[in-house]
C-alpha cells in the first residue's frame, strides 16, 4: 500500500493491480459480454481488443515514467497489429472490453472507468487543439454502441448507454440511454431490459426513436384539431396541396410509429 501525507494524517492508497492481474480480468470479462468466446486460449490469441488493451496498459506505464517515445512506439505497433488506436496517456480502468475493435480511437486525456464496453468504430475524441483535458470521461459500466462518437471534455455517468452511430457532445447523467445526432436522453437504464446475468445491458436493438414519437404526437394532435374544426361546421379540405402522398399522411402512420 502506498502512503500519502495529507494535513498531518497518513492516507493509504490502494496498490495498483499488477499487469498480470489486470490481464486476467480483461480476459475473464470477455466471457461475460461475448457469447462467441469459447476458451481463454482463443481469447488471448485471436481477440484484437484484448491485444490492444494489454499493449496499452504496458504503454501507459511507460508514459507515466516519462518514457514517452517507447510508449508512443508501442501504441503505434498496437494500432498496426489490431486497428485500434489508444493513446498511451489514456487512463483505463479494470475489466475493459472492446468488442471486434476495428476503428476504435481513444484520445490522450480520455478516462475510462471499470467494466466499460466499447464496440467497433467508437471514437473518444477531442474538440480543441489546446493542451489539457480535451477528451471524454466514461464512468463505470458505460456501454457505447458501434460507430458512436463521444467528443470533448464531457462526462458520461455510471451505466450510461450510447446508441450506435450517436454523437455525444454534452454531459450525460448516470443511468441514462442517449441516441441521435446530437445525442439526446431517451430513457433511464432501469426502463430497459437487463437480462444479462452480470448486470450489463447490451440490448441496443430496443433503443426507442424519439423523432418518430414526436411525429406521431404531432399527427395525433392534427387529427384532434381537425375533429374540432368539423364540429364547428368548418370544412377541412382532405386533399393535400403540397404533394400527392395523402395515403402516407393518415393516422395509420401515427399508430404505426407509436407501436415502434
Protein backbone atom coordinates (compact mmCIF):
# COMPACT_ATOMS: atom_id res chain seq x y z
CA UNK A 1 0.00 0.00 0.00
CA UNK A 2 1.25 3.47 -0.89
CA UNK A 3 1.09 6.19 1.79
CA UNK A 4 0.23 9.85 1.22
CA UNK A 5 0.58 12.64 3.85
CA UNK A 6 -2.50 14.92 3.98
CA UNK A 7 -2.84 17.62 6.70
CA UNK A 8 -0.74 15.62 9.12
CA UNK A 9 -2.62 12.38 8.54
CA UNK A 10 -1.41 9.34 6.65
CA UNK A 11 -3.80 8.09 3.97
CA UNK A 12 -3.14 4.75 2.37
CA UNK A 13 -3.70 4.49 -1.37
CA UNK A 14 -4.66 1.09 -2.79
CA UNK A 15 -1.76 -0.50 -4.60
CA UNK A 16 -2.08 -0.58 -8.39
CA UNK A 17 -3.01 -4.08 -9.61
CA UNK A 18 -0.28 -5.95 -11.40
CA UNK A 19 -0.35 -6.25 -15.19
CA UNK A 20 -0.90 -10.00 -14.87
CA UNK A 21 -3.96 -9.49 -12.67
CA UNK A 22 -5.37 -6.84 -15.00
CA UNK A 23 -4.85 -9.15 -17.98
CA UNK A 24 -6.67 -11.99 -16.22
CA UNK A 25 -9.60 -9.68 -15.50
CA UNK A 26 -9.63 -8.38 -19.09
CA UNK A 27 -9.77 -11.93 -20.42
CA UNK A 28 -12.40 -13.09 -17.92
CA UNK A 29 -14.75 -10.20 -18.71
CA UNK A 30 -14.85 -11.25 -22.38
CA UNK A 31 -16.89 -14.34 -21.42
CA UNK A 32 -19.43 -12.10 -19.66
CA UNK A 33 -20.03 -9.90 -22.71
CA UNK A 34 -19.35 -12.05 -25.78
CA UNK A 35 -21.28 -15.33 -26.15
CA UNK A 36 -18.96 -16.30 -29.03
CA UNK A 37 -15.96 -16.66 -26.68
CA UNK A 38 -15.15 -20.34 -26.10
CA UNK A 39 -11.79 -20.59 -24.36
CA UNK A 40 -9.13 -18.41 -22.75
CA UNK A 41 -6.58 -19.54 -25.30
CA UNK A 42 -8.85 -18.43 -28.14
CA UNK A 43 -9.45 -15.05 -26.48
CA UNK A 44 -5.74 -14.47 -25.83
CA UNK A 45 -4.67 -15.36 -29.35
CA UNK A 46 -7.49 -14.09 -31.59
CA UNK A 47 -9.18 -11.10 -29.91
CA UNK A 48 -7.66 -7.80 -31.13
CA UNK A 49 -9.45 -5.87 -28.37
CA UNK A 50 -7.62 -7.87 -25.71
CA UNK A 51 -4.29 -7.40 -27.50
CA UNK A 52 -4.84 -3.63 -27.77
CA UNK A 53 -5.75 -3.30 -24.09
CA UNK A 54 -2.75 -5.31 -22.91
CA UNK A 55 -0.31 -3.29 -25.04
CA UNK A 56 -1.94 -0.03 -23.93
CA UNK A 57 -1.55 -0.95 -20.27
CA UNK A 58 2.16 -1.51 -20.83
CA UNK A 59 2.47 1.69 -22.87
CA UNK A 60 0.59 3.66 -20.21
CA UNK A 61 3.06 2.63 -17.52
CA UNK A 62 5.93 3.70 -19.77
CA UNK A 63 4.14 7.01 -20.34
CA UNK A 64 3.76 7.63 -16.61
CA UNK A 65 7.50 7.25 -16.00
CA UNK A 66 8.26 9.74 -18.82
CA UNK A 67 9.40 7.14 -21.35
CA UNK A 68 7.30 8.88 -23.96
CA UNK A 69 8.85 7.64 -27.20
CA UNK A 70 8.82 3.92 -26.25
CA UNK A 71 5.21 4.38 -25.12
CA UNK A 72 4.19 6.00 -28.42
CA UNK A 73 6.08 3.39 -30.45
CA UNK A 74 4.31 0.57 -28.59
CA UNK A 75 0.99 2.35 -29.17
CA UNK A 76 1.78 2.61 -32.89
CA UNK A 77 2.65 -1.09 -33.00
CA UNK A 78 -0.63 -1.95 -31.28
CA UNK A 79 -2.54 0.07 -33.86
CA UNK A 80 -0.67 -1.67 -36.68
CA UNK A 81 -1.49 -5.06 -35.15
CA UNK A 82 -5.11 -4.51 -34.06
CA UNK A 83 -6.51 -1.49 -35.97
CA UNK A 84 -7.29 0.04 -32.55
CA UNK A 85 -5.70 3.38 -31.73
CA UNK A 86 -5.39 4.08 -27.98
CA UNK A 87 -3.08 6.85 -26.85
CA UNK A 88 -0.69 5.68 -24.10
CA UNK A 89 -1.73 8.67 -21.98
CA UNK A 90 -5.35 7.48 -21.75
CA UNK A 91 -6.42 6.17 -18.33
CA UNK A 92 -8.27 2.86 -18.50
CA UNK A 93 -9.99 1.07 -15.62
CA UNK A 94 -10.39 -2.60 -14.92
CA UNK A 95 -12.30 -5.18 -16.98
CA UNK A 96 -12.36 -3.01 -20.10
CA UNK A 97 -13.73 -4.74 -23.21
CA UNK A 98 -13.58 -3.70 -26.86
CA UNK A 99 -15.79 -5.96 -29.00
CA UNK A 100 -14.46 -6.54 -32.55
CA UNK A 101 -12.36 -3.42 -32.11
CA UNK A 102 -11.84 -2.23 -35.69
CA UNK A 103 -11.63 1.53 -35.94
CA UNK A 104 -11.75 2.36 -32.23
CA UNK A 105 -9.90 5.60 -31.34
CA UNK A 106 -9.24 6.77 -27.76
CA UNK A 107 -7.51 10.10 -27.16
CA UNK A 108 -4.72 11.07 -24.78
CA UNK A 109 -6.76 12.60 -21.94
CA UNK A 110 -9.64 10.12 -22.07
CA UNK A 111 -10.53 8.49 -18.76
CA UNK A 112 -12.39 5.18 -18.65
CA UNK A 113 -13.81 3.59 -15.51
CA UNK A 114 -14.30 -0.06 -14.62
CA UNK A 115 -16.48 -2.52 -16.59
CA UNK A 116 -16.80 -0.30 -19.67
CA UNK A 117 -17.69 -1.82 -23.06
CA UNK A 118 -16.98 -0.28 -26.48
CA UNK A 119 -18.00 -1.64 -29.86
CA UNK A 120 -16.21 -1.16 -33.19
CA UNK A 121 -15.90 2.28 -34.71
CA UNK A 122 -16.18 4.18 -31.42
CA UNK A 123 -14.25 7.44 -31.04
CA UNK A 124 -13.43 9.15 -27.76
CA UNK A 125 -12.17 12.33 -29.34
CA UNK A 126 -11.34 15.93 -28.60
CA UNK A 127 -12.84 19.19 -29.86
CA UNK A 128 -9.93 21.55 -29.29
CA UNK A 129 -6.24 21.84 -30.11
CA UNK A 130 -5.46 23.33 -26.71
CA UNK A 131 -3.47 21.25 -24.25
CA UNK A 132 -5.13 19.94 -21.11
CA UNK A 133 -8.23 17.86 -20.60
CA UNK A 134 -9.91 17.60 -24.01
CA UNK A 135 -11.25 14.03 -24.23
CA UNK A 136 -14.26 12.36 -22.57
CA UNK A 137 -14.57 10.66 -19.19
CA UNK A 138 -16.57 7.43 -19.10
CA UNK A 139 -17.55 6.31 -15.64
CA UNK A 140 -18.02 2.66 -14.65
CA UNK A 141 -20.46 0.43 -16.50
CA UNK A 142 -20.81 2.56 -19.64
CA UNK A 143 -21.72 0.78 -22.91
CA UNK A 144 -21.04 2.56 -26.22
CA UNK A 145 -22.63 1.20 -29.39
CA UNK A 146 -20.89 0.70 -32.73
CA UNK A 147 -19.83 3.83 -34.58
CA UNK A 148 -20.69 6.25 -31.76
CA UNK A 149 -18.61 9.40 -31.32
CA UNK A 150 -18.11 10.96 -27.88
CA UNK A 151 -16.42 14.31 -28.28
CA UNK A 152 -14.91 16.85 -25.91
CA UNK A 153 -14.10 17.01 -22.21
CA UNK A 154 -17.52 15.71 -21.19
CA UNK A 155 -18.55 13.08 -18.65
CA UNK A 156 -20.81 10.09 -19.12
CA UNK A 157 -22.13 8.92 -15.77
CA UNK A 158 -22.27 5.36 -14.49
CA UNK A 159 -24.17 2.79 -16.58
CA UNK A 160 -24.90 5.17 -19.45
CA UNK A 161 -25.74 3.52 -22.78
CA UNK A 162 -24.90 5.24 -26.05
CA UNK A 163 -26.79 4.09 -29.14
CA UNK A 164 -24.95 3.07 -32.29
CA UNK A 165 -23.77 5.96 -34.50
CA UNK A 166 -24.79 8.58 -31.95
CA UNK A 167 -22.72 11.74 -31.45
CA UNK A 168 -22.45 12.80 -27.80
CA UNK A 169 -21.22 16.34 -27.14
CA UNK A 170 -22.72 17.09 -23.70
CA UNK A 171 -22.54 15.51 -20.24
CA UNK A 172 -24.91 12.61 -19.63
CA UNK A 173 -26.23 11.81 -16.11
CA UNK A 174 -25.87 8.30 -14.70
CA UNK A 175 -28.29 5.55 -15.72
CA UNK A 176 -29.43 7.12 -18.99
CA UNK A 177 -29.64 5.98 -22.60
CA UNK A 178 -28.80 8.50 -25.33
CA UNK A 179 -29.30 8.29 -29.11
CA UNK A 180 -29.12 10.57 -32.11
CA UNK A 181 -27.04 13.39 -33.60
CA UNK A 182 -26.55 15.22 -31.34
CA UNK A 183 -27.40 12.57 -28.76
CA UNK A 184 -30.49 13.08 -26.59
CA UNK A 185 -31.59 11.22 -23.46
CA UNK A 186 -34.44 8.85 -24.35
CA UNK A 187 -34.89 6.70 -21.24
CA UNK A 188 -33.39 5.60 -17.96
CA UNK A 189 -31.38 2.40 -17.99
CA UNK A 190 -33.77 0.85 -15.47
CA UNK A 191 -36.59 1.10 -18.03
CA UNK A 192 -34.81 -1.23 -20.43
CA UNK A 193 -34.37 -4.97 -20.10
CA UNK A 194 -31.20 -6.03 -18.29
CA UNK A 195 -31.29 -9.75 -18.92
CA UNK A 196 -27.50 -10.18 -18.77
CA UNK A 197 -26.68 -12.17 -15.62
CA UNK A 198 -23.75 -9.86 -14.97
CA UNK A 199 -25.98 -6.77 -14.94
CA UNK A 200 -24.64 -5.35 -18.23
CA UNK A 201 -27.37 -4.15 -20.59
CA UNK A 202 -26.49 -4.87 -24.24
CA UNK A 203 -29.99 -4.53 -25.78
CA UNK A 204 -29.07 -1.94 -28.41
CA UNK A 205 -31.98 -3.02 -30.63
CA UNK A 206 -34.52 -1.86 -28.02
CA UNK A 207 -33.48 1.81 -28.15
CA UNK A 208 -36.53 3.99 -28.91
CA UNK A 209 -36.98 6.51 -31.73
CA UNK A 210 -37.59 9.99 -30.21
CA UNK A 211 -38.11 11.64 -33.63
CA UNK A 212 -40.72 9.04 -34.60
CA UNK A 213 -42.51 9.58 -31.30
CA UNK A 214 -42.57 13.35 -31.83
CA UNK A 215 -44.02 12.94 -35.34
CA UNK A 216 -46.66 10.55 -34.01
CA UNK A 217 -47.68 13.08 -31.35
CA UNK A 218 -47.94 15.87 -33.93
CA UNK A 219 -50.08 13.76 -36.26
CA UNK A 220 -52.37 12.79 -33.41
CA UNK A 221 -52.71 16.45 -32.44
CA UNK A 222 -53.58 17.40 -36.03
CA UNK A 223 -56.29 14.72 -36.03
CA UNK A 224 -57.78 16.19 -32.84
CA UNK A 225 -57.73 19.75 -34.21
CA UNK A 226 -59.37 18.70 -37.47
CA UNK A 227 -62.07 16.93 -35.49
CA UNK A 228 -62.76 20.10 -33.54
CA UNK A 229 -63.00 22.12 -36.76
CA UNK A 230 -65.51 19.65 -38.17
CA UNK A 231 -67.67 20.02 -35.06
CA UNK A 232 -67.69 23.79 -35.63
CA UNK A 233 -69.05 23.19 -39.15
CA UNK A 234 -65.81 24.32 -40.80
CA UNK A 235 -64.98 22.01 -43.65
CA UNK A 236 -61.46 20.58 -43.68
CA UNK A 237 -60.00 20.01 -47.10
CA UNK A 238 -58.84 16.41 -47.11
CA UNK A 239 -56.75 16.93 -50.20
CA UNK A 240 -53.12 17.91 -49.66
CA UNK A 241 -51.97 20.77 -51.88
CA UNK A 242 -48.29 20.03 -51.33
CA UNK A 243 -47.96 16.58 -52.84
CA UNK A 244 -49.92 13.50 -53.86
CA UNK A 245 -48.91 11.42 -50.84
CA UNK A 246 -52.23 11.67 -48.97
CA UNK A 247 -52.23 7.97 -48.15
CA UNK A 248 -48.91 8.35 -46.29
CA UNK A 249 -50.14 11.14 -44.01
CA UNK A 250 -53.07 9.37 -42.38
CA UNK A 251 -53.42 8.47 -38.73
CA UNK A 252 -52.40 4.90 -39.52
CA UNK A 253 -48.79 6.15 -39.83
CA UNK A 254 -49.05 7.69 -36.37
CA UNK A 255 -50.40 4.45 -34.91
CA UNK A 256 -47.57 2.52 -36.51
CA UNK A 257 -44.96 4.92 -35.12
CA UNK A 258 -46.44 4.61 -31.64
CA UNK A 259 -46.17 0.81 -31.84
CA UNK A 260 -42.48 1.09 -32.76
